[in-house]
Protein backbone atom coordinates (compact mmCIF):
# COMPACT_ATOMS: atom_id res chain seq x y z
CA UNK A 1 16.74 -12.07 -3.26
CA UNK A 2 17.24 -9.15 -0.22
CA UNK A 3 16.38 -9.85 3.31
CA UNK A 4 12.87 -8.90 4.21
CA UNK A 5 14.34 -6.42 7.09
CA UNK A 6 16.76 -5.04 3.93
CA UNK A 7 14.07 -4.57 1.34
CA UNK A 8 11.69 -3.12 4.19
CA UNK A 9 14.48 -0.51 5.24
CA UNK A 10 14.89 0.01 1.26
CA UNK A 11 11.17 1.12 1.26
CA UNK A 12 11.25 2.79 4.06
CA UNK A 13 14.36 4.88 3.04
CA UNK A 14 12.55 5.72 -0.77
CA UNK A 15 9.74 7.34 1.30
CA UNK A 16 11.64 8.84 4.37
CA UNK A 17 12.61 11.88 2.44
CA UNK A 18 9.56 13.57 1.78
CA UNK A 19 7.31 11.87 4.55
CA UNK A 20 6.57 10.32 7.62
CA UNK A 21 5.76 6.58 7.29
CA UNK A 22 5.86 3.55 9.98
CA UNK A 23 5.89 0.04 9.11
CA UNK A 24 4.19 -2.02 11.40
CA UNK A 25 3.86 -5.83 11.59
CA UNK A 26 0.54 -7.85 10.33
CA UNK A 27 -0.54 -11.25 9.63
CA UNK A 28 2.60 -12.49 8.07
CA UNK A 29 3.17 -9.20 5.95
CA UNK A 30 3.59 -5.42 7.18
CA UNK A 31 1.29 -2.51 6.85
CA UNK A 32 3.33 0.90 5.54
CA UNK A 33 0.97 3.92 7.41
CA UNK A 34 1.61 7.94 7.04
CA UNK A 35 0.72 9.78 9.68
CA UNK A 36 -1.64 6.98 11.32
CA UNK A 37 -3.53 6.14 7.88
CA UNK A 38 -2.27 2.86 6.36
CA UNK A 39 -1.63 3.50 2.48
CA UNK A 40 0.28 -0.01 1.62
CA UNK A 41 1.20 -3.62 2.52
CA UNK A 42 4.53 -4.77 2.37
CA UNK A 43 4.44 -8.82 1.53
CA UNK A 44 7.68 -10.39 0.66
CA UNK A 45 9.79 -8.16 -1.52
CA UNK A 46 6.66 -6.48 -3.14
CA UNK A 47 4.93 -3.55 -2.07
CA UNK A 48 0.82 -3.21 -2.89
CA UNK A 49 -0.82 0.47 -2.56
CA UNK A 50 -4.28 1.36 -1.42
CA UNK A 51 -6.43 2.23 -4.93
CA UNK A 52 -10.03 3.39 -5.06
CA UNK A 53 -12.36 4.37 -7.86
CA UNK A 54 -11.09 7.52 -8.67
CA UNK A 55 -6.96 5.88 -9.06
CA UNK A 56 -7.32 2.44 -9.78
CA UNK A 57 -6.90 3.11 -13.67
CA UNK A 58 -3.64 4.58 -12.92
CA UNK A 59 -2.33 1.11 -11.67
CA UNK A 60 -3.69 -0.79 -14.15
CA UNK A 61 -2.33 1.33 -16.79
CA UNK A 62 1.06 0.74 -15.13
CA UNK A 63 0.28 -3.67 -15.24
CA UNK A 64 -0.48 -3.29 -11.53
CA UNK A 65 -2.01 -6.34 -10.57
CA UNK A 66 -4.50 -6.10 -6.97
CA UNK A 67 -3.42 -7.88 -3.98
CA UNK A 68 -5.32 -11.43 -3.64
CA UNK A 69 -4.80 -13.75 -0.66
CA UNK A 70 -6.37 -17.02 0.21
CA UNK A 71 -9.05 -16.85 2.95
CA UNK A 72 -8.96 -19.62 5.47
CA UNK A 73 -11.88 -21.42 3.60
CA UNK A 74 -9.70 -21.36 0.25
CA UNK A 75 -11.90 -18.32 -1.56
CA UNK A 76 -9.25 -16.26 -2.82
CA UNK A 77 -9.64 -12.22 -2.08
CA UNK A 78 -8.93 -9.60 -3.62
CA UNK A 79 -8.24 -6.13 -1.70
CA UNK A 80 -8.14 -3.02 -3.09
CA UNK A 81 -4.34 -2.59 -2.99
CA UNK A 82 -2.11 -2.63 -6.21
CA UNK A 83 1.53 -3.73 -6.69
CA UNK A 84 3.58 -0.56 -7.24
CA UNK A 85 4.55 -0.19 -10.39
CA UNK A 86 8.22 -1.33 -10.68
CA UNK A 87 9.79 1.92 -11.33
CA UNK A 88 8.84 2.94 -7.52
CA UNK A 89 11.72 0.60 -6.30
CA UNK A 90 14.30 2.76 -8.00
CA UNK A 91 13.38 6.23 -7.86
CA UNK A 92 12.78 7.87 -4.62
CA UNK A 93 10.25 10.62 -6.29
CA UNK A 94 8.35 8.10 -7.97
CA UNK A 95 7.82 5.94 -4.64
CA UNK A 96 6.52 9.56 -3.01
CA UNK A 97 4.55 9.96 -5.55
CA UNK A 98 2.89 6.74 -5.54
CA UNK A 99 3.11 6.76 -1.83
CA UNK A 100 0.84 9.93 -1.86
CA UNK A 101 -2.34 8.93 -4.83
CA UNK A 102 -2.21 5.69 -2.28
CA UNK A 103 -2.45 7.74 0.92
CA UNK A 104 -5.22 10.12 -0.96
CA UNK A 105 -7.11 6.75 -1.72
CA UNK A 106 -7.19 5.85 1.76
CA UNK A 107 -7.97 9.41 3.23
CA UNK A 108 -10.80 9.19 0.54
CA UNK A 109 -11.70 5.65 1.90
CA UNK A 110 -12.11 6.60 5.41
CA UNK A 111 -14.18 10.16 4.44
CA UNK A 112 -16.83 7.75 3.00
CA UNK A 113 -17.52 5.31 5.95
CA UNK A 114 -20.94 6.01 7.39
CA UNK A 115 -21.02 6.90 11.20
CA UNK A 116 -21.44 4.36 13.50
CA UNK A 117 -25.34 4.89 14.95
CA UNK A 118 -24.85 6.59 18.47
CA UNK A 119 -26.18 4.48 21.36
């Protein structure tokens, strides 16, 4: 098992040739951002990518599983992030293609958010 910093560097290298990404620590994991939009989560040596109604089936066809975590009250919560397919880790073109799907899902989510009422 590679050290977390080595794995993070590997993920950054996979994506850096085609996009400007940033990995930032958050809650014992790290968020993966492209131009300020979070599209992935790095947990240990696993990447989870944003999915939505339009892209979820692509992840499921690949055998990817949703990100599940334990809340403080013991409940298991499922987020709209799915594990990256295995080939994501070895093929930069595949990694970029899957990252772009996740970025598109994140953008769709942002455009669906209702606007806050004006005060």
